Amino acid sequence: MDLALTRRGDYAVRAALCLARRGGDGGYVKTREVAQTMALPASYTPQVLRLLAEAGLAEARAGRDGGYRLTRPPGEVALLEVVEAAEGPFTLERCILRGGPCHWEHACAVHAAWSAAVQACRDSLRQTTLADLVAADARIEAGGGIVERGLPPA
């Protein structure tokens, strides 16, 4: 089984990370800079940034000094918010066994376990902020590797 973001979700997370890197100075980041820095398709980056703006996570400013920036500090923006801005609500919508809508009155035997797994994933994404991602990205660039939540560095 592959739990993965769509391409749009992937691009939204990368774009938000780029904006978060600039979160401390309050400056705007040009669309082309986001695309180049994060290896995003230049033609699709404006749509991705618009998704973040529509979700209230980023704001746009026109003009020579314009671009996009986060509306809140990176430490106050949860990864879940970014994912849901691109992918829609991260919820249990269909029965894992029956394939159709999962109704509580007809829940299958797997429902409780699967629902708990979805909630654990939501909780993890909610607890991870863009500031956490910026810090992890800096560690990776410095050759330090990834530090899993609650585990010591390797």
C-alpha atoms as a PDB file:
ATOM      1  CA  MET A   1       0.000   0.000   0.000  1.00  0.00           C
ATOM      2  CA  ASP A   2       1.257   3.451  -0.860  1.00  0.00           C
ATOM      3  CA  LEU A   3       0.190   6.401   1.265  1.00  0.00           C
ATOM      4  CA  ALA A   4       1.313   9.297  -0.885  1.00  0.00           C
ATOM      5  CA  LEU A   5       0.349  12.810  -1.880  1.00  0.00           C
ATOM      6  CA  THR A   6      -0.840  13.603  -5.362  1.00  0.00           C
ATOM      7  CA  ARG A   7       1.475  15.718  -7.459  1.00  0.00           C
ATOM      8  CA  ARG A   8      -0.573  18.786  -6.489  1.00  0.00           C
ATOM      9  CA  GLY A   9      -0.141  17.961  -2.776  1.00  0.00           C
ATOM     10  CA  ASP A  10       3.579  17.390  -3.220  1.00  0.00           C
ATOM     11  CA  TYR A  11       3.969  20.745  -4.981  1.00  0.00           C
ATOM     12  CA  ALA A  12       1.898  22.541  -2.325  1.00  0.00           C
ATOM     13  CA  VAL A  13       4.086  21.182   0.475  1.00  0.00           C
ATOM     14  CA  ARG A  14       7.258  22.164  -1.392  1.00  0.00           C
ATOM     15  CA  ALA A  15       5.904  25.656  -2.163  1.00  0.00           C
ATOM     16  CA  ALA A  16       4.856  26.166   1.464  1.00  0.00           C
ATOM     17  CA  LEU A  17       8.314  25.028   2.599  1.00  0.00           C
ATOM     18  CA  CYS A  18       9.900  27.612   0.303  1.00  0.00           C
ATOM     19  CA  LEU A  19       7.683  30.360   1.752  1.00  0.00           C
ATOM     20  CA  ALA A  20       8.420  29.125   5.284  1.00  0.00           C
ATOM     21  CA  ARG A  21      12.156  29.453   4.695  1.00  0.00           C
ATOM     22  CA  ARG A  22      11.502  33.171   4.212  1.00  0.00           C
ATOM     23  CA  GLY A  23       8.974  33.314   7.068  1.00  0.00           C
ATOM     24  CA  GLY A  24      11.184  35.207   9.459  1.00  0.00           C
ATOM     25  CA  ASP A  25      11.831  38.219   7.290  1.00  0.00           C
ATOM     26  CA  GLY A  26       8.236  38.755   6.114  1.00  0.00           C
ATOM     27  CA  GLY A  27       9.445  39.212   2.552  1.00  0.00           C
ATOM     28  CA  TYR A  28       7.535  38.118  -0.500  1.00  0.00           C
ATOM     29  CA  VAL A  29       8.850  35.341  -2.711  1.00  0.00           C
ATOM     30  CA  LYS A  30       8.377  35.567  -6.465  1.00  0.00           C
ATOM     31  CA  THR A  31       6.510  32.714  -8.132  1.00  0.00           C
ATOM     32  CA  ARG A  32       9.471  31.956 -10.395  1.00  0.00           C
ATOM     33  CA  GLU A  33      11.783  31.788  -7.348  1.00  0.00           C
ATOM     34  CA  VAL A  34       9.462  29.249  -5.686  1.00  0.00           C
ATOM     35  CA  ALA A  35       9.427  27.207  -8.902  1.00  0.00           C
ATOM     36  CA  GLN A  36      13.215  27.308  -9.330  1.00  0.00           C
ATOM     37  CA  THR A  37      14.107  26.739  -5.677  1.00  0.00           C
ATOM     38  CA  MET A  38      11.744  23.807  -5.218  1.00  0.00           C
ATOM     39  CA  ALA A  39      12.034  22.296  -8.743  1.00  0.00           C
ATOM     40  CA  LEU A  40       8.364  22.889  -9.525  1.00  0.00           C
ATOM     41  CA  PRO A  41       6.926  23.308 -13.016  1.00  0.00           C
ATOM     42  CA  ALA A  42       6.859  27.064 -13.701  1.00  0.00           C
ATOM     43  CA  SER A  43       3.479  26.763 -15.404  1.00  0.00           C
ATOM     44  CA  TYR A  44       1.847  25.017 -12.420  1.00  0.00           C
ATOM     45  CA  THR A  45       3.429  26.959  -9.545  1.00  0.00           C
ATOM     46  CA  PRO A  46       0.961  29.898  -9.701  1.00  0.00           C
ATOM     47  CA  GLN A  47      -1.955  27.469  -9.293  1.00  0.00           C
ATOM     48  CA  VAL A  48      -0.293  25.803  -6.306  1.00  0.00           C
ATOM     49  CA  LEU A  49       0.418  29.142  -4.642  1.00  0.00           C
ATOM     50  CA  ARG A  50      -3.178  30.182  -5.320  1.00  0.00           C
ATOM     51  CA  LEU A  51      -4.367  27.052  -3.443  1.00  0.00           C
ATOM     52  CA  LEU A  52      -2.320  28.137  -0.430  1.00  0.00           C
ATOM     53  CA  ALA A  53      -3.724  31.661  -0.680  1.00  0.00           C
ATOM     54  CA  GLU A  54      -7.318  30.438  -0.994  1.00  0.00           C
ATOM     55  CA  ALA A  55      -6.801  28.361   2.150  1.00  0.00           C
ATOM     56  CA  GLY A  56      -5.610  31.483   3.979  1.00  0.00           C
ATOM     57  CA  LEU A  57      -2.097  30.118   4.421  1.00  0.00           C
ATOM     58  CA  ALA A  58      -0.406  32.564   2.048  1.00  0.00           C
ATOM     59  CA  GLU A  59      -1.057  35.996   0.676  1.00  0.00           C
ATOM     60  CA  ALA A  60      -0.193  37.502  -2.666  1.00  0.00           C
ATOM     61  CA  ARG A  61       1.067  40.953  -3.476  1.00  0.00           C
ATOM     62  CA  ALA A  62       1.285  42.303  -6.993  1.00  0.00           C
ATOM     63  CA  GLY A  63       4.062  44.452  -8.302  1.00  0.00           C
ATOM     64  CA  ARG A  64       7.816  44.605  -8.453  1.00  0.00           C
ATOM     65  CA  ASP A  65       8.277  43.849  -4.747  1.00  0.00           C
ATOM     66  CA  GLY A  66       5.398  41.405  -4.700  1.00  0.00           C
ATOM     67  CA  GLY A  67       5.057  37.666  -4.686  1.00  0.00           C
ATOM     68  CA  TYR A  68       3.739  35.316  -2.012  1.00  0.00           C
ATOM     69  CA  ARG A  69       4.361  34.971   1.706  1.00  0.00           C
ATOM     70  CA  LEU A  70       2.846  33.033   4.580  1.00  0.00           C
ATOM     71  CA  THR A  71       0.052  34.721   6.520  1.00  0.00           C
ATOM     72  CA  ARG A  72       1.320  33.282   9.829  1.00  0.00           C
ATOM     73  CA  PRO A  73       4.738  32.360  11.213  1.00  0.00           C
ATOM     74  CA  PRO A  74       5.942  28.925  10.004  1.00  0.00           C
ATOM     75  CA  GLY A  75       5.692  27.553  13.549  1.00  0.00           C
ATOM     76  CA  GLU A  76       1.947  28.237  13.488  1.00  0.00           C
ATOM     77  CA  VAL A  77       1.188  26.514  10.165  1.00  0.00           C
ATOM     78  CA  ALA A  78       0.538  22.783  10.463  1.00  0.00           C
ATOM     79  CA  LEU A  79       1.537  20.431   7.679  1.00  0.00           C
ATOM     80  CA  LEU A  80      -2.042  19.102   7.795  1.00  0.00           C
ATOM     81  CA  GLU A  81      -3.322  22.538   6.730  1.00  0.00           C
ATOM     82  CA  VAL A  82      -1.030  22.561   3.706  1.00  0.00           C
ATOM     83  CA  VAL A  83      -1.942  19.010   2.704  1.00  0.00           C
ATOM     84  CA  GLU A  84      -5.660  19.703   3.045  1.00  0.00           C
ATOM     85  CA  ALA A  85      -5.340  22.951   1.058  1.00  0.00           C
ATOM     86  CA  ALA A  86      -4.181  20.878  -1.904  1.00  0.00           C
ATOM     87  CA  GLU A  87      -5.812  17.503  -1.347  1.00  0.00           C
ATOM     88  CA  GLY A  88      -9.046  18.369   0.444  1.00  0.00           C
ATOM     89  CA  PRO A  89     -10.101  17.011   3.827  1.00  0.00           C
ATOM     90  CA  PHE A  90      -8.006  14.097   5.041  1.00  0.00           C
ATOM     91  CA  THR A  91     -10.788  11.894   6.366  1.00  0.00           C
ATOM     92  CA  LEU A  92     -12.081   8.342   6.203  1.00  0.00           C
ATOM     93  CA  GLU A  93     -14.686   8.560   3.433  1.00  0.00           C
ATOM     94  CA  ARG A  94     -15.026   5.042   2.123  1.00  0.00           C
ATOM     95  CA  CYS A  95     -15.108   1.635   3.672  1.00  0.00           C
ATOM     96  CA  ILE A  96     -11.749  -0.099   3.350  1.00  0.00           C
ATOM     97  CA  LEU A  97     -13.478  -3.469   2.738  1.00  0.00           C
ATOM     98  CA  ARG A  98     -16.702  -2.570   0.968  1.00  0.00           C
ATOM     99  CA  GLY A  99     -15.445   0.326  -1.134  1.00  0.00           C
ATOM    100  CA  GLY A 100     -18.506   2.515  -0.658  1.00  0.00           C
ATOM    101  CA  PRO A 101     -19.337   5.155   1.923  1.00  0.00           C
ATOM    102  CA  CYS A 102     -18.598   4.043   5.459  1.00  0.00           C
ATOM    103  CA  HIS A 103     -21.761   4.447   7.528  1.00  0.00           C
ATOM    104  CA  TRP A 104     -21.437   4.039  11.275  1.00  0.00           C
ATOM    105  CA  GLU A 105     -24.575   1.930  11.486  1.00  0.00           C
ATOM    106  CA  HIS A 106     -23.066  -0.577   9.020  1.00  0.00           C
ATOM    107  CA  ALA A 107     -19.384  -0.313   9.953  1.00  0.00           C
ATOM    108  CA  CYS A 108     -17.233  -3.249   8.933  1.00  0.00           C
ATOM    109  CA  ALA A 109     -14.875  -5.133  11.236  1.00  0.00           C
ATOM    110  CA  VAL A 110     -11.874  -3.101  10.030  1.00  0.00           C
ATOM    111  CA  HIS A 111     -13.509   0.298  10.542  1.00  0.00           C
ATOM    112  CA  ALA A 112     -12.272   1.063  14.065  1.00  0.00           C
ATOM    113  CA  ALA A 113      -8.657   0.090  13.332  1.00  0.00           C
ATOM    114  CA  TRP A 114      -8.578   1.952  10.025  1.00  0.00           C
ATOM    115  CA  SER A 115     -10.242   5.013  11.509  1.00  0.00           C
ATOM    116  CA  ALA A 116      -7.656   5.059  14.322  1.00  0.00           C
ATOM    117  CA  ALA A 117      -4.817   4.847  11.776  1.00  0.00           C
ATOM    118  CA  VAL A 118      -6.238   7.762   9.772  1.00  0.00           C
ATOM    119  CA  GLN A 119      -6.614   9.785  12.974  1.00  0.00           C
ATOM    120  CA  ALA A 120      -3.016   9.017  14.010  1.00  0.00           C
ATOM    121  CA  CYS A 121      -1.795  10.212  10.624  1.00  0.00           C
ATOM    122  CA  ARG A 122      -3.911  13.397  10.903  1.00  0.00           C
ATOM    123  CA  ASP A 123      -2.524  13.995  14.404  1.00  0.00           C
ATOM    124  CA  SER A 124       1.057  13.621  13.187  1.00  0.00           C
ATOM    125  CA  LEU A 125       0.504  16.053  10.305  1.00  0.00           C
ATOM    126  CA  ARG A 126      -1.268  18.479  12.658  1.00  0.00           C
ATOM    127  CA  GLN A 127       1.655  18.388  15.122  1.00  0.00           C
ATOM    128  CA  THR A 128       4.263  18.967  12.411  1.00  0.00           C
ATOM    129  CA  THR A 129       4.681  22.622  11.481  1.00  0.00           C
ATOM    130  CA  LEU A 130       6.361  24.300   8.557  1.00  0.00           C
ATOM    131  CA  ALA A 131       9.043  25.446  11.019  1.00  0.00           C
ATOM    132  CA  ASP A 132       9.710  21.766  11.801  1.00  0.00           C
ATOM    133  CA  LEU A 133      10.122  21.090   8.083  1.00  0.00           C
ATOM    134  CA  VAL A 134      12.459  24.050   7.618  1.00  0.00           C
ATOM    135  CA  ALA A 135      14.616  22.773  10.493  1.00  0.00           C
ATOM    136  CA  ALA A 136      14.617  19.218   9.103  1.00  0.00           C
ATOM    137  CA  ASP A 137      15.494  20.541   5.646  1.00  0.00           C
ATOM    138  CA  ALA A 138      18.424  22.505   7.090  1.00  0.00           C
ATOM    139  CA  ARG A 139      19.689  19.384   8.904  1.00  0.00           C
ATOM    140  CA  ILE A 140      19.483  17.356   5.700  1.00  0.00           C
ATOM    141  CA  GLU A 141      21.322  20.026   3.696  1.00  0.00           C
ATOM    142  CA  ALA A 142      24.023  20.107   6.392  1.00  0.00           C
ATOM    143  CA  GLY A 143      24.409  16.333   6.107  1.00  0.00           C
ATOM    144  CA  GLY A 144      22.741  15.576   9.427  1.00  0.00           C
ATOM    145  CA  GLY A 145      19.975  13.387   8.069  1.00  0.00           C
ATOM    146  CA  ILE A 146      16.387  13.185   9.227  1.00  0.00           C
ATOM    147  CA  VAL A 147      15.499  13.041  12.907  1.00  0.00           C
ATOM    148  CA  GLU A 148      12.288  11.138  13.522  1.00  0.00           C
ATOM    149  CA  ARG A 149       9.966  12.595  16.130  1.00  0.00           C
ATOM    150  CA  GLY A 150      10.969  11.197  19.511  1.00  0.00           C
ATOM    151  CA  LEU A 151      14.024   9.346  18.207  1.00  0.00           C
ATOM    152  CA  PRO A 152      17.644  10.429  18.667  1.00  0.00           C
ATOM    153  CA  PRO A 153      19.633  11.454  15.574  1.00  0.00           C
ATOM    154  CA  ALA A 154      21.368   8.614  13.772  1.00  0.00           C
END
